[in-house]
Amino acid sequence: MKQLTESLQLCVTDATMHNGVKGAFHGAAACLIGVLGVYNAAAWCRRRERHLAVNALIYGAVVLFECYQIGQHCKDGREEI
């Protein structure tokens, strides 16, 4: 059973492989989350509801985290070469 589990392990989960793909995935997530943050910020400007401001701030923090992750994958990708 252990051999089967090892053979099914995705190579994407390996920290040293496919950093370009991982970075692209984080980039796509950052773009989507950025759009959600901009939408919430614009809605807050119009309606001044507290939850919209909180959502915009949370989305902004998540975008920063995703950008950090992209940087880590770029740095790891340069070390592979």
Protein backbone atom coordinates (compact mmCIF):
# COMPACT_ATOMS: atom_id res chain seq x y z
CA MET A 1 0.00 0.00 0.00
CA LYS A 2 2.87 2.36 0.78
CA GLN A 3 4.32 1.93 -2.72
CA LEU A 4 0.97 2.78 -4.27
CA THR A 5 0.72 5.94 -2.18
CA GLU A 6 4.24 6.99 -3.13
CA SER A 7 3.59 6.39 -6.83
CA LEU A 8 0.40 8.48 -6.74
CA GLN A 9 2.08 11.46 -5.09
CA LEU A 10 1.93 14.46 -7.40
CA CYS A 11 5.25 15.90 -8.50
CA VAL A 12 3.71 19.36 -8.13
CA THR A 13 3.76 18.91 -4.36
CA ASP A 14 7.55 18.61 -4.45
CA ALA A 15 8.96 21.92 -3.24
CA THR A 16 11.72 21.93 -5.84
CA MET A 17 9.72 21.20 -8.99
CA HIS A 18 7.37 23.13 -11.29
CA ASN A 19 7.86 26.51 -9.66
CA GLY A 20 6.73 28.29 -12.82
CA VAL A 21 3.38 26.51 -12.73
CA LYS A 22 3.00 27.20 -9.02
CA GLY A 23 3.88 30.85 -9.51
CA ALA A 24 1.39 31.15 -12.36
CA PHE A 25 -1.34 29.62 -10.21
CA HIS A 26 -0.60 32.11 -7.41
CA GLY A 27 -0.57 34.91 -10.00
CA ALA A 28 -4.01 33.92 -11.27
CA ALA A 29 -5.29 33.74 -7.70
CA ALA A 30 -3.83 37.19 -6.95
CA CYS A 31 -5.57 38.67 -10.01
CA LEU A 32 -8.93 37.15 -9.11
CA ILE A 33 -8.65 38.21 -5.48
CA GLY A 34 -7.54 41.67 -6.58
CA VAL A 35 -10.69 42.05 -8.68
CA LEU A 36 -12.80 41.02 -5.70
CA GLY A 37 -10.99 43.54 -3.52
CA VAL A 38 -11.49 46.37 -6.01
CA TYR A 39 -15.18 45.47 -6.31
CA ASN A 40 -15.62 45.56 -2.53
CA ALA A 41 -13.72 48.85 -2.23
CA ALA A 42 -15.88 50.42 -4.95
CA ALA A 43 -19.04 49.11 -3.32
CA TRP A 44 -17.88 50.52 0.02
CA CYS A 45 -17.34 53.94 -1.58
CA ARG A 46 -20.92 53.83 -2.82
CA ARG A 47 -22.76 52.27 0.15
CA ARG A 48 -20.42 52.79 3.16
CA GLU A 49 -21.26 49.41 4.69
CA ARG A 50 -18.67 48.20 7.16
CA HIS A 51 -18.47 44.63 5.88
CA LEU A 52 -17.47 45.86 2.42
CA ALA A 53 -14.52 47.78 3.86
CA VAL A 54 -13.48 44.75 5.93
CA ASN A 55 -13.73 42.51 2.86
CA ALA A 56 -11.62 44.93 0.79
CA LEU A 57 -8.92 44.99 3.48
CA ILE A 58 -8.88 41.21 3.79
CA TYR A 59 -8.67 40.78 0.02
CA GLY A 60 -5.81 43.29 -0.06
CA ALA A 61 -3.91 41.32 2.57
CA VAL A 62 -4.46 38.09 0.64
CA VAL A 63 -3.17 39.72 -2.56
CA LEU A 64 0.00 40.72 -0.70
CA PHE A 65 0.40 37.16 0.57
CA GLU A 66 -0.06 35.77 -2.96
CA CYS A 67 2.57 38.21 -4.25
CA TYR A 68 4.94 36.96 -1.56
CA GLN A 69 4.25 33.37 -2.67
CA ILE A 70 4.95 34.30 -6.30
CA GLY A 71 8.27 35.80 -5.23
CA GLN A 72 9.18 32.63 -3.36
CA HIS A 73 8.43 30.46 -6.39
CA CYS A 74 10.44 32.78 -8.65
CA LYS A 75 13.37 32.67 -6.23
CA ASP A 76 13.15 28.87 -5.98
CA GLY A 77 12.95 28.59 -9.77
CA ARG A 78 16.20 30.54 -10.20
CA GLU A 79 17.95 28.24 -7.73
CA GLU A 80 16.98 25.20 -9.83
CA ILE A 81 18.87 26.43 -12.91
